[in-house]
Amino acid sequence: MDPPITEISDGDTTWRFDRSFLTSNWTCIWGRGCLGILPYPAAELGQGCCSIGADLDGDDEARLIGALASTLDPARFEYHATAVEGGVFGDATRSSTRVVDGACIFLNRTGFGGGAGCALHLAAIDSGESPIDFKPSVCWQLPIKVDWEPGDDATEIATVRGWTRGDWGAEGDTMAWCCTEGTQAYVGDRPVIESMAGELDAIVGPEVYLELLRRLHH
């Protein structure tokens, strides 16, 4: 059965929103029982969905992440010395972040004195900035997924929905869990359209977001 869709046209883009997910009370439970995406439940590792390197969206994003990495405070970046020695990218193509000791190089592990979690995220908070401006796009958008397809007359159709196991590729078949499945992560105190307002606004633009908010609140 197809999910209920709200459609909003914005010039050359037709946005199609999955109302079921956006009106749900999903929330990220990293550090609060998240089982992670390894082939076995591993809540105690605190890796969440950072067990693999983040795919980067082209050269511009790679340059941004590389530049930001060079500014991170060693006291707040557990793998600072490792980054200085060998960089933060998975390989010379700079298409993903590097995996070190079984997870993304930017992930401060549980128990690190400077704070567990993404070093880029922590740096944004320390600077009074939005993590959206510091993290790879795939990281700050999760678990929102946007599917692009061509429309009529050089237009595009963008479907905004929640991630599924299939979106993870081969890893999805063996992951301990996918946070948008089951009920464990559906414990938020407000709908996704509000709790991820900043992310949705950044993805679709303020005018489309406000129109979406108006429609889904009716």
N, C-alpha and C. Protein backbone atom coordinates (compact mmCIF):
# COMPACT_ATOMS: atom_id res chain seq x y z
N MET A 1 0.85 -1.20 0.00
CA MET A 1 0.00 0.00 0.00
C MET A 1 0.89 1.25 0.00
N ASP A 2 0.64 2.16 -0.90
CA ASP A 2 1.45 3.37 -1.00
C ASP A 2 1.18 4.29 0.19
N PRO A 3 2.21 5.00 0.68
CA PRO A 3 2.01 5.91 1.80
C PRO A 3 1.21 7.12 1.38
N PRO A 4 0.50 7.76 2.33
CA PRO A 4 -0.23 8.99 2.00
C PRO A 4 0.77 10.10 1.66
N ILE A 5 0.51 10.81 0.59
CA ILE A 5 1.46 11.79 0.06
C ILE A 5 0.84 13.19 0.05
N THR A 6 1.63 14.19 0.48
CA THR A 6 1.28 15.59 0.29
C THR A 6 2.21 16.15 -0.77
N GLU A 7 1.65 16.76 -1.81
CA GLU A 7 2.44 17.25 -2.94
C GLU A 7 2.43 18.77 -2.99
N ILE A 8 3.61 19.35 -3.11
CA ILE A 8 3.76 20.81 -3.19
C ILE A 8 4.67 21.14 -4.36
N SER A 9 4.20 21.99 -5.26
CA SER A 9 4.99 22.38 -6.42
C SER A 9 5.78 23.65 -6.10
N ASP A 10 7.05 23.63 -6.48
CA ASP A 10 7.92 24.78 -6.25
C ASP A 10 8.71 25.05 -7.52
N GLY A 11 8.07 25.66 -8.49
CA GLY A 11 8.73 25.95 -9.75
C GLY A 11 9.08 24.67 -10.50
N ASP A 12 10.37 24.43 -10.65
CA ASP A 12 10.81 23.27 -11.41
C ASP A 12 10.83 21.99 -10.59
N THR A 13 10.50 22.06 -9.33
CA THR A 13 10.52 20.88 -8.46
C THR A 13 9.14 20.61 -7.90
N THR A 14 8.70 19.37 -8.01
CA THR A 14 7.49 18.93 -7.33
C THR A 14 7.91 18.09 -6.14
N TRP A 15 7.62 18.57 -4.95
CA TRP A 15 7.97 17.86 -3.72
C TRP A 15 6.81 16.95 -3.32
N ARG A 16 7.14 15.71 -3.01
CA ARG A 16 6.14 14.74 -2.57
C ARG A 16 6.55 14.24 -1.18
N PHE A 17 5.73 14.50 -0.18
CA PHE A 17 6.09 14.22 1.20
C PHE A 17 5.29 13.03 1.74
N ASP A 18 5.99 12.12 2.39
CA ASP A 18 5.35 10.98 3.04
C ASP A 18 4.79 11.46 4.38
N ARG A 19 3.49 11.65 4.41
CA ARG A 19 2.87 12.19 5.62
C ARG A 19 3.02 11.26 6.82
N SER A 20 3.01 9.96 6.59
CA SER A 20 3.05 9.02 7.71
C SER A 20 4.30 9.22 8.55
N PHE A 21 5.46 9.35 7.86
CA PHE A 21 6.70 9.52 8.61
C PHE A 21 6.80 10.92 9.21
N LEU A 22 6.44 11.94 8.43
CA LEU A 22 6.63 13.31 8.89
C LEU A 22 5.70 13.68 10.03
N THR A 23 4.58 12.98 10.17
CA THR A 23 3.67 13.26 11.27
C THR A 23 3.84 12.27 12.43
N SER A 24 4.79 11.34 12.27
CA SER A 24 5.06 10.37 13.34
C SER A 24 5.89 11.03 14.45
N ASN A 25 6.00 10.33 15.58
CA ASN A 25 6.81 10.88 16.68
C ASN A 25 8.17 10.20 16.75
N TRP A 26 8.72 9.86 15.58
CA TRP A 26 10.09 9.32 15.54
C TRP A 26 11.06 10.33 16.15
N THR A 27 12.07 9.82 16.85
CA THR A 27 13.14 10.67 17.34
C THR A 27 14.42 9.85 17.41
N CYS A 28 15.55 10.49 17.26
CA CYS A 28 16.82 9.77 17.34
C CYS A 28 17.06 9.34 18.78
N ILE A 29 17.36 8.07 19.00
CA ILE A 29 17.63 7.59 20.35
C ILE A 29 19.09 7.17 20.50
N TRP A 30 19.97 7.86 19.77
CA TRP A 30 21.40 7.62 19.96
C TRP A 30 21.74 7.83 21.44
N GLY A 31 22.47 6.86 21.98
CA GLY A 31 22.84 6.94 23.39
C GLY A 31 21.72 6.60 24.35
N ARG A 32 20.56 6.24 23.80
CA ARG A 32 19.41 5.91 24.65
C ARG A 32 18.79 4.58 24.22
N GLY A 33 19.67 3.64 23.90
CA GLY A 33 19.20 2.31 23.52
C GLY A 33 19.31 2.01 22.04
N CYS A 34 19.84 2.93 21.24
CA CYS A 34 20.03 2.65 19.81
C CYS A 34 20.89 1.41 19.64
N LEU A 35 20.42 0.46 18.86
CA LEU A 35 21.12 -0.82 18.70
C LEU A 35 22.21 -0.77 17.65
N GLY A 36 22.28 0.32 16.89
CA GLY A 36 23.34 0.45 15.89
C GLY A 36 23.04 -0.31 14.61
N ILE A 37 23.97 -0.21 13.66
CA ILE A 37 23.77 -0.80 12.34
C ILE A 37 24.77 -1.91 12.05
N LEU A 38 25.41 -2.43 13.09
CA LEU A 38 26.28 -3.60 12.92
C LEU A 38 25.41 -4.85 12.77
N PRO A 39 26.00 -6.00 12.43
CA PRO A 39 25.19 -7.21 12.25
C PRO A 39 24.66 -7.79 13.57
N TYR A 40 24.97 -7.14 14.67
CA TYR A 40 24.51 -7.62 15.98
C TYR A 40 24.16 -6.40 16.83
N PRO A 41 23.24 -6.54 17.78
CA PRO A 41 22.88 -5.41 18.64
C PRO A 41 24.09 -4.94 19.44
N ALA A 42 24.37 -3.63 19.42
CA ALA A 42 25.56 -3.13 20.10
C ALA A 42 25.30 -1.75 20.69
N ALA A 43 24.25 -1.65 21.49
CA ALA A 43 23.91 -0.36 22.08
C ALA A 43 25.05 0.18 22.93
N GLU A 44 25.80 -0.74 23.57
CA GLU A 44 26.85 -0.31 24.49
C GLU A 44 28.00 0.42 23.79
N LEU A 45 28.16 0.21 22.47
CA LEU A 45 29.23 0.87 21.73
C LEU A 45 28.93 2.35 21.45
N GLY A 46 27.67 2.72 21.46
CA GLY A 46 27.29 4.10 21.22
C GLY A 46 27.63 4.59 19.82
N GLN A 47 27.66 3.67 18.85
CA GLN A 47 28.04 4.08 17.50
C GLN A 47 26.86 4.57 16.67
N GLY A 48 25.66 4.18 17.03
CA GLY A 48 24.51 4.59 16.24
C GLY A 48 24.69 4.20 14.78
N CYS A 49 24.51 5.18 13.89
CA CYS A 49 24.68 4.89 12.46
C CYS A 49 26.04 5.38 11.95
N CYS A 50 27.01 5.51 12.88
CA CYS A 50 28.35 6.00 12.52
C CYS A 50 29.37 4.87 12.38
N SER A 51 28.90 3.63 12.28
CA SER A 51 29.82 2.50 12.16
C SER A 51 30.49 2.44 10.81
N ILE A 52 29.97 3.17 9.84
CA ILE A 52 30.57 3.23 8.51
C ILE A 52 30.90 4.68 8.20
N GLY A 53 31.81 4.89 7.27
CA GLY A 53 32.15 6.26 6.89
C GLY A 53 30.98 6.93 6.20
N ALA A 54 30.88 8.23 6.37
CA ALA A 54 29.78 8.99 5.75
C ALA A 54 30.11 9.27 4.29
N ASP A 55 29.18 8.96 3.40
CA ASP A 55 29.35 9.30 1.99
C ASP A 55 29.23 10.81 1.83
N LEU A 56 30.17 11.41 1.09
CA LEU A 56 30.18 12.86 0.92
C LEU A 56 29.59 13.25 -0.43
N ASP A 57 28.91 14.38 -0.44
CA ASP A 57 28.16 14.82 -1.61
C ASP A 57 29.04 15.72 -2.48
N GLY A 58 30.04 15.13 -3.13
CA GLY A 58 30.84 15.86 -4.10
C GLY A 58 32.02 16.60 -3.51
N ASP A 59 32.77 17.28 -4.37
CA ASP A 59 34.01 17.95 -3.99
C ASP A 59 33.77 19.09 -3.01
N ASP A 60 32.68 19.84 -3.19
CA ASP A 60 32.42 20.98 -2.31
C ASP A 60 32.24 20.53 -0.87
N GLU A 61 31.47 19.46 -0.68
CA GLU A 61 31.26 18.97 0.68
C GLU A 61 32.56 18.40 1.24
N ALA A 62 33.34 17.72 0.42
CA ALA A 62 34.62 17.18 0.88
C ALA A 62 35.54 18.31 1.33
N ARG A 63 35.58 19.39 0.56
CA ARG A 63 36.42 20.53 0.94
C ARG A 63 35.96 21.14 2.27
N LEU A 64 34.64 21.26 2.43
CA LEU A 64 34.10 21.82 3.67
C LEU A 64 34.47 20.96 4.87
N ILE A 65 34.25 19.66 4.75
CA ILE A 65 34.54 18.76 5.88
C ILE A 65 36.03 18.76 6.19
N GLY A 66 36.87 18.77 5.15
CA GLY A 66 38.30 18.82 5.36
C GLY A 66 38.73 20.09 6.07
N ALA A 67 38.14 21.22 5.66
CA ALA A 67 38.47 22.50 6.28
C ALA A 67 38.01 22.55 7.74
N LEU A 68 36.81 22.06 7.99
CA LEU A 68 36.30 22.06 9.36
C LEU A 68 37.14 21.15 10.25
N ALA A 69 37.55 20.01 9.71
CA ALA A 69 38.34 19.06 10.49
C ALA A 69 39.62 19.70 11.00
N SER A 70 40.20 20.57 10.18
CA SER A 70 41.46 21.20 10.56
C SER A 70 41.29 22.21 11.68
N THR A 71 40.06 22.59 11.97
CA THR A 71 39.80 23.58 13.02
C THR A 71 39.34 22.93 14.33
N LEU A 72 39.14 21.63 14.35
CA LEU A 72 38.57 20.98 15.54
C LEU A 72 39.56 21.00 16.70
N ASP A 73 39.02 21.22 17.87
CA ASP A 73 39.80 21.25 19.10
C ASP A 73 40.19 19.82 19.47
N PRO A 74 41.49 19.53 19.65
CA PRO A 74 41.90 18.17 20.02
C PRO A 74 41.21 17.65 21.28
N ALA A 75 40.85 18.56 22.17
CA ALA A 75 40.18 18.13 23.40
C ALA A 75 38.76 17.65 23.15
N ARG A 76 38.22 17.99 21.98
CA ARG A 76 36.85 17.60 21.64
C ARG A 76 36.80 16.64 20.46
N PHE A 77 37.97 16.20 20.00
CA PHE A 77 38.06 15.33 18.82
C PHE A 77 39.02 14.19 19.17
N GLU A 78 38.45 13.05 19.52
CA GLU A 78 39.25 11.93 20.03
C GLU A 78 40.33 11.50 19.05
N TYR A 79 40.03 11.51 17.77
CA TYR A 79 40.97 11.01 16.77
C TYR A 79 41.71 12.15 16.06
N HIS A 80 41.92 13.23 16.77
CA HIS A 80 42.61 14.39 16.19
C HIS A 80 43.99 14.02 15.67
N ALA A 81 44.79 13.33 16.47
CA ALA A 81 46.14 12.96 16.06
C ALA A 81 46.12 12.03 14.85
N THR A 82 45.15 11.12 14.83
CA THR A 82 45.00 10.20 13.70
C THR A 82 44.64 10.97 12.43
N ALA A 83 43.79 11.98 12.59
CA ALA A 83 43.38 12.80 11.44
C ALA A 83 44.56 13.61 10.91
N VAL A 84 45.36 14.16 11.80
CA VAL A 84 46.53 14.93 11.38
C VAL A 84 47.51 14.04 10.62
N GLU A 85 47.65 12.83 11.09
CA GLU A 85 48.62 11.90 10.49
C GLU A 85 48.16 11.37 9.14
N GLY A 86 46.89 11.01 9.02
CA GLY A 86 46.45 10.35 7.80
C GLY A 86 45.22 10.92 7.13
N GLY A 87 44.74 12.07 7.61
CA GLY A 87 43.58 12.69 7.01
C GLY A 87 42.27 12.12 7.52
N VAL A 88 41.16 12.71 7.05
CA VAL A 88 39.84 12.32 7.51
C VAL A 88 39.02 11.62 6.43
N PHE A 89 39.63 11.39 5.25
CA PHE A 89 38.88 10.78 4.15
C PHE A 89 39.23 9.31 3.97
N GLY A 90 38.27 8.57 3.42
CA GLY A 90 38.45 7.14 3.26
C GLY A 90 39.53 6.77 2.27
N ASP A 91 39.68 7.58 1.21
CA ASP A 91 40.72 7.33 0.21
C ASP A 91 40.97 8.60 -0.57
N ALA A 92 41.78 8.50 -1.61
CA ALA A 92 42.19 9.68 -2.37
C ALA A 92 41.02 10.35 -3.09
N THR A 93 39.93 9.62 -3.33
CA THR A 93 38.78 10.22 -4.01
C THR A 93 38.01 11.17 -3.10
N ARG A 94 38.26 11.09 -1.80
CA ARG A 94 37.59 11.95 -0.81
C ARG A 94 36.07 11.86 -0.92
N SER A 95 35.57 10.68 -1.21
CA SER A 95 34.13 10.48 -1.38
C SER A 95 33.44 10.03 -0.09
N SER A 96 34.22 9.76 0.95
CA SER A 96 33.64 9.34 2.22
C SER A 96 34.61 9.67 3.35
N THR A 97 34.09 9.69 4.57
CA THR A 97 34.96 9.89 5.72
C THR A 97 35.63 8.57 6.08
N ARG A 98 36.75 8.69 6.73
CA ARG A 98 37.60 7.54 7.04
C ARG A 98 37.04 6.72 8.20
N VAL A 99 37.19 5.42 8.13
CA VAL A 99 36.79 4.53 9.23
C VAL A 99 38.04 4.19 10.04
N VAL A 100 37.99 4.44 11.34
CA VAL A 100 39.10 4.17 12.24
C VAL A 100 38.58 3.38 13.43
N ASP A 101 39.24 2.29 13.75
CA ASP A 101 38.82 1.46 14.90
C ASP A 101 37.35 1.10 14.85
N GLY A 102 36.86 0.82 13.64
CA GLY A 102 35.52 0.28 13.51
C GLY A 102 34.39 1.29 13.41
N ALA A 103 34.71 2.57 13.23
CA ALA A 103 33.64 3.56 13.07
C ALA A 103 34.23 4.82 12.44
N CYS A 104 33.37 5.77 12.11
CA CYS A 104 33.79 7.03 11.49
C CYS A 104 34.83 7.74 12.36
N ILE A 105 35.83 8.31 11.71
CA ILE A 105 36.91 9.00 12.43
C ILE A 105 36.38 10.15 13.28
N PHE A 106 35.27 10.73 12.91
CA PHE A 106 34.73 11.86 13.66
C PHE A 106 33.94 11.43 14.90
N LEU A 107 33.70 10.13 15.07
CA LEU A 107 32.90 9.68 16.21
C LEU A 107 33.77 9.54 17.45
N ASN A 108 33.56 10.40 18.42
CA ASN A 108 34.18 10.24 19.73
C ASN A 108 33.48 9.09 20.44
N ARG A 109 34.26 8.15 20.90
CA ARG A 109 33.68 6.94 21.48
C ARG A 109 33.15 7.18 22.89
N THR A 110 32.30 6.27 23.32
CA THR A 110 31.75 6.31 24.67
C THR A 110 32.88 6.36 25.69
N GLY A 111 32.81 7.29 26.61
CA GLY A 111 33.82 7.43 27.64
C GLY A 111 34.90 8.45 27.35
N PHE A 112 34.95 8.99 26.11
CA PHE A 112 35.94 10.00 25.78
C PHE A 112 35.68 11.26 26.61
N GLY A 113 36.73 11.78 27.23
CA GLY A 113 36.57 12.90 28.15
C GLY A 113 36.04 14.16 27.52
N GLY A 114 36.29 14.35 26.22
CA GLY A 114 35.82 15.55 25.55
C GLY A 114 34.39 15.49 25.09
N GLY A 115 33.74 14.35 25.34
CA GLY A 115 32.35 14.19 24.96
C GLY A 115 32.16 13.15 23.87
N ALA A 116 31.25 12.23 24.09
CA ALA A 116 30.95 11.21 23.10
C ALA A 116 30.09 11.80 21.99
N GLY A 117 30.17 11.18 20.81
CA GLY A 117 29.36 11.64 19.68
C GLY A 117 30.21 12.26 18.61
N CYS A 118 29.56 12.79 17.59
CA CYS A 118 30.25 13.35 16.44
C CYS A 118 31.03 14.61 16.81
N ALA A 119 32.34 14.62 16.53
CA ALA A 119 33.18 15.77 16.84
C ALA A 119 32.74 17.01 16.05
N LEU A 120 32.26 16.80 14.85
CA LEU A 120 31.76 17.92 14.06
C LEU A 120 30.50 18.51 14.69
N HIS A 121 29.62 17.64 15.15
CA HIS A 121 28.40 18.08 15.82
C HIS A 121 28.73 18.87 17.08
N LEU A 122 29.66 18.34 17.88
CA LEU A 122 30.05 19.01 19.11
C LEU A 122 30.67 20.38 18.83
N ALA A 123 31.47 20.45 17.76
CA ALA A 123 32.09 21.72 17.40
C ALA A 123 31.05 22.75 17.02
N ALA A 124 30.02 22.32 16.31
CA ALA A 124 28.94 23.24 15.94
C ALA A 124 28.25 23.78 17.19
N ILE A 125 27.92 22.90 18.11
CA ILE A 125 27.26 23.31 19.35
C ILE A 125 28.16 24.28 20.12
N ASP A 126 29.46 23.95 20.21
CA ASP A 126 30.40 24.82 20.93
C ASP A 126 30.47 26.21 20.31
N SER A 127 30.30 26.26 18.99
CA SER A 127 30.41 27.54 18.27
C SER A 127 29.09 28.29 18.20
N GLY A 128 28.04 27.69 18.74
CA GLY A 128 26.73 28.30 18.66
C GLY A 128 26.12 28.23 17.27
N GLU A 129 26.59 27.27 16.47
CA GLU A 129 26.12 27.12 15.11
C GLU A 129 25.24 25.88 14.98
N SER A 130 24.59 25.74 13.83
CA SER A 130 23.77 24.55 13.58
C SER A 130 24.65 23.40 13.09
N PRO A 131 24.47 22.21 13.63
CA PRO A 131 25.21 21.05 13.13
C PRO A 131 25.00 20.82 11.63
N ILE A 132 23.90 21.34 11.09
CA ILE A 132 23.64 21.22 9.66
C ILE A 132 24.78 21.83 8.85
N ASP A 133 25.38 22.87 9.38
CA ASP A 133 26.44 23.58 8.66
C ASP A 133 27.81 22.93 8.84
N PHE A 134 27.91 21.93 9.72
CA PHE A 134 29.20 21.31 10.03
C PHE A 134 29.30 19.85 9.56
N LYS A 135 28.20 19.15 9.49
CA LYS A 135 28.23 17.71 9.25
C LYS A 135 27.98 17.36 7.79
N PRO A 136 28.46 16.20 7.33
CA PRO A 136 28.09 15.73 5.99
C PRO A 136 26.57 15.69 5.85
N SER A 137 26.08 16.00 4.66
CA SER A 137 24.63 16.11 4.47
C SER A 137 23.90 14.82 4.80
N VAL A 138 24.50 13.68 4.46
CA VAL A 138 23.82 12.42 4.75
C VAL A 138 23.63 12.24 6.25
N CYS A 139 24.55 12.80 7.05
CA CYS A 139 24.48 12.64 8.50
C CYS A 139 23.38 13.50 9.11
N TRP A 140 23.33 14.79 8.70
CA TRP A 140 22.32 15.63 9.34
C TRP A 140 20.92 15.39 8.78
N GLN A 141 20.83 14.79 7.59
CA GLN A 141 19.51 14.51 7.04
C GLN A 141 18.89 13.23 7.60
N LEU A 142 19.69 12.26 7.93
CA LEU A 142 19.15 11.00 8.43
C LEU A 142 18.20 11.23 9.60
N PRO A 143 17.06 10.49 9.63
CA PRO A 143 16.66 9.43 8.70
C PRO A 143 15.76 9.91 7.57
N ILE A 144 15.87 11.20 7.20
CA ILE A 144 15.11 11.69 6.05
C ILE A 144 15.84 11.32 4.77
N LYS A 145 15.12 10.82 3.81
CA LYS A 145 15.68 10.41 2.52
C LYS A 145 14.93 11.16 1.42
N VAL A 146 15.67 11.64 0.43
CA VAL A 146 15.05 12.32 -0.71
C VAL A 146 15.37 11.55 -1.98
N ASP A 147 14.34 11.10 -2.67
CA ASP A 147 14.49 10.41 -3.95
C ASP A 147 14.19 11.39 -5.07
N TRP A 148 15.12 11.55 -6.01
CA TRP A 148 14.95 12.46 -7.15
C TRP A 148 14.67 11.68 -8.41
N GLU A 149 13.72 12.15 -9.18
CA GLU A 149 13.44 11.55 -10.49
C GLU A 149 12.98 12.64 -11.45
N PRO A 150 13.19 12.44 -12.73
CA PRO A 150 12.78 13.47 -13.70
C PRO A 150 11.26 13.55 -13.82
N GLY A 151 10.77 14.79 -13.98
CA GLY A 151 9.35 15.00 -14.23
C GLY A 151 9.13 15.43 -15.67
N ASP A 152 8.03 16.08 -15.94
CA ASP A 152 7.74 16.55 -17.29
C ASP A 152 8.43 17.88 -17.56
N ASP A 153 8.81 18.10 -18.81
CA ASP A 153 9.31 19.41 -19.26
C ASP A 153 10.47 19.92 -18.40
N ALA A 154 11.48 19.06 -18.24
CA ALA A 154 12.71 19.43 -17.53
C ALA A 154 12.49 19.74 -16.05
N THR A 155 11.40 19.27 -15.49
CA THR A 155 11.17 19.44 -14.05
C THR A 155 11.67 18.20 -13.31
N GLU A 156 11.68 18.29 -11.99
CA GLU A 156 12.11 17.17 -11.16
C GLU A 156 11.04 16.86 -10.12
N ILE A 157 10.99 15.60 -9.73
CA ILE A 157 10.11 15.16 -8.65
C ILE A 157 10.99 14.69 -7.50
N ALA A 158 10.78 15.23 -6.33
CA ALA A 158 11.57 14.87 -5.15
C ALA A 158 10.64 14.29 -4.09
N THR A 159 10.87 13.04 -3.74
CA THR A 159 10.04 12.38 -2.73
C THR A 159 10.80 12.35 -1.41
N VAL A 160 10.18 12.92 -0.38
CA VAL A 160 10.80 13.03 0.94
C VAL A 160 10.13 12.00 1.86
N ARG A 161 10.94 11.10 2.41
CA ARG A 161 10.41 9.99 3.19
C ARG A 161 11.44 9.57 4.24
N GLY A 162 11.12 8.53 4.99
CA GLY A 162 12.07 7.98 5.94
C GLY A 162 12.93 6.90 5.29
N TRP A 163 14.16 6.76 5.76
CA TRP A 163 15.06 5.72 5.25
C TRP A 163 14.48 4.33 5.52
N THR A 164 14.87 3.39 4.67
CA THR A 164 14.52 1.99 4.86
C THR A 164 15.80 1.16 4.84
N ARG A 165 15.69 -0.09 5.15
CA ARG A 165 16.87 -0.97 5.10
C ARG A 165 17.48 -0.98 3.70
N GLY A 166 16.62 -0.98 2.70
CA GLY A 166 17.12 -1.04 1.33
C GLY A 166 18.00 0.15 0.96
N ASP A 167 17.79 1.29 1.61
CA ASP A 167 18.58 2.47 1.32
C ASP A 167 20.03 2.34 1.79
N TRP A 168 20.28 1.40 2.67
CA TRP A 168 21.63 1.18 3.17
C TRP A 168 22.45 0.28 2.24
N GLY A 169 21.82 -0.26 1.21
CA GLY A 169 22.54 -1.18 0.33
C GLY A 169 22.66 -2.54 0.98
N ALA A 170 23.77 -3.24 0.69
CA ALA A 170 23.95 -4.61 1.19
C ALA A 170 23.94 -4.66 2.71
N GLU A 171 24.47 -3.60 3.36
CA GLU A 171 24.52 -3.61 4.82
C GLU A 171 23.14 -3.69 5.45
N GLY A 172 22.13 -3.19 4.72
CA GLY A 172 20.79 -3.15 5.28
C GLY A 172 20.23 -4.51 5.62
N ASP A 173 20.65 -5.53 4.88
CA ASP A 173 20.12 -6.88 5.11
C ASP A 173 20.58 -7.47 6.43
N THR A 174 21.75 -7.04 6.90
CA THR A 174 22.33 -7.67 8.08
C THR A 174 22.36 -6.77 9.31
N MET A 175 21.92 -5.52 9.17
CA MET A 175 21.96 -4.60 10.31
C MET A 175 21.11 -5.11 11.47
N ALA A 176 21.57 -4.82 12.68
CA ALA A 176 20.81 -5.22 13.87
C ALA A 176 19.42 -4.60 13.85
N TRP A 177 19.36 -3.37 13.36
CA TRP A 177 18.06 -2.74 13.23
C TRP A 177 18.15 -1.56 12.29
N CYS A 178 17.00 -1.05 11.92
CA CYS A 178 16.88 0.19 11.17
C CYS A 178 15.93 1.05 11.98
N CYS A 179 16.38 2.23 12.39
CA CYS A 179 15.64 2.98 13.41
C CYS A 179 14.24 3.41 13.00
N THR A 180 13.95 3.42 11.69
CA THR A 180 12.60 3.80 11.27
C THR A 180 11.65 2.61 11.29
N GLU A 181 12.18 1.41 11.56
CA GLU A 181 11.33 0.22 11.66
C GLU A 181 10.99 -0.05 13.13
N GLY A 182 9.98 -0.87 13.34
CA GLY A 182 9.59 -1.18 14.71
C GLY A 182 9.03 0.03 15.42
N THR A 183 9.10 0.01 16.74
CA THR A 183 8.50 1.09 17.54
C THR A 183 9.48 1.77 18.48
N GLN A 184 10.69 1.24 18.62
CA GLN A 184 11.60 1.70 19.66
C GLN A 184 11.95 3.18 19.57
N ALA A 185 12.07 3.70 18.34
CA ALA A 185 12.46 5.11 18.18
C ALA A 185 11.26 6.06 18.05
N TYR A 186 10.07 5.52 18.09
CA TYR A 186 8.88 6.37 17.95
C TYR A 186 8.39 6.79 19.34
N VAL A 187 9.24 7.55 20.00
CA VAL A 187 8.97 7.95 21.38
C VAL A 187 9.16 9.45 21.57
N GLY A 188 9.19 10.21 20.47
CA GLY A 188 9.37 11.65 20.57
C GLY A 188 8.15 12.34 21.13
N ASP A 189 8.34 13.59 21.54
CA ASP A 189 7.23 14.35 22.13
C ASP A 189 6.56 15.28 21.13
N ARG A 190 6.98 15.21 19.86
CA ARG A 190 6.37 16.02 18.81
C ARG A 190 6.63 15.37 17.47
N PRO A 191 5.88 15.73 16.44
CA PRO A 191 6.05 15.09 15.14
C PRO A 191 7.37 15.48 14.47
N VAL A 192 7.82 14.64 13.57
CA VAL A 192 9.08 14.87 12.85
C VAL A 192 9.08 16.22 12.16
N ILE A 193 7.94 16.63 11.62
CA ILE A 193 7.88 17.91 10.90
C ILE A 193 8.26 19.08 11.81
N GLU A 194 8.15 18.90 13.13
CA GLU A 194 8.57 19.93 14.08
C GLU A 194 9.95 19.64 14.64
N SER A 195 10.20 18.39 15.02
CA SER A 195 11.49 18.06 15.65
C SER A 195 12.65 18.17 14.68
N MET A 196 12.39 18.00 13.38
CA MET A 196 13.43 18.14 12.36
C MET A 196 13.14 19.33 11.45
N ALA A 197 12.60 20.38 12.05
CA ALA A 197 12.24 21.57 11.29
C ALA A 197 13.44 22.16 10.55
N GLY A 198 14.57 22.27 11.24
CA GLY A 198 15.75 22.84 10.63
C GLY A 198 16.23 22.03 9.44
N GLU A 199 16.21 20.71 9.59
CA GLU A 199 16.66 19.84 8.51
C GLU A 199 15.73 19.92 7.31
N LEU A 200 14.43 19.88 7.56
CA LEU A 200 13.46 19.95 6.46
C LEU A 200 13.54 21.30 5.75
N ASP A 201 13.69 22.36 6.52
CA ASP A 201 13.81 23.70 5.94
C ASP A 201 15.05 23.76 5.03
N ALA A 202 16.15 23.16 5.48
CA ALA A 202 17.39 23.18 4.69
C ALA A 202 17.26 22.35 3.41
N ILE A 203 16.48 21.29 3.47
CA ILE A 203 16.32 20.39 2.32
C ILE A 203 15.40 21.01 1.27
N VAL A 204 14.26 21.52 1.70
CA VAL A 204 13.23 21.92 0.73
C VAL A 204 13.10 23.44 0.56
N GLY A 205 13.73 24.20 1.45
CA GLY A 205 13.61 25.65 1.40
C GLY A 205 12.49 26.14 2.31
N PRO A 206 12.60 27.37 2.83
CA PRO A 206 11.64 27.87 3.82
C PRO A 206 10.21 27.98 3.32
N GLU A 207 10.01 28.36 2.06
CA GLU A 207 8.64 28.54 1.57
C GLU A 207 7.91 27.21 1.49
N VAL A 208 8.58 26.19 0.94
CA VAL A 208 7.96 24.87 0.85
C VAL A 208 7.74 24.29 2.24
N TYR A 209 8.72 24.48 3.12
CA TYR A 209 8.57 23.94 4.47
C TYR A 209 7.38 24.56 5.19
N LEU A 210 7.23 25.87 5.09
CA LEU A 210 6.10 26.53 5.76
C LEU A 210 4.76 26.08 5.19
N GLU A 211 4.71 25.87 3.88
CA GLU A 211 3.49 25.37 3.27
C GLU A 211 3.20 23.94 3.73
N LEU A 212 4.25 23.13 3.83
CA LEU A 212 4.08 21.76 4.32
C LEU A 212 3.57 21.78 5.76
N LEU A 213 4.16 22.62 6.57
CA LEU A 213 3.74 22.74 7.96
C LEU A 213 2.26 23.14 8.05
N ARG A 214 1.87 24.10 7.21
CA ARG A 214 0.48 24.54 7.20
C ARG A 214 -0.47 23.42 6.83
N ARG A 215 -0.10 22.65 5.82
CA ARG A 215 -0.99 21.57 5.36
C ARG A 215 -1.07 20.42 6.37
N LEU A 216 0.06 20.07 6.96
CA LEU A 216 0.05 18.90 7.84
C LEU A 216 -0.53 19.22 9.22
N HIS A 217 -0.65 20.49 9.53
CA HIS A 217 -1.25 20.87 10.80
C HIS A 217 -2.75 21.04 10.68
N HIS A 218 -3.28 20.89 9.47
CA HIS A 218 -4.73 21.03 9.28
C HIS A 218 -5.40 19.67 9.42
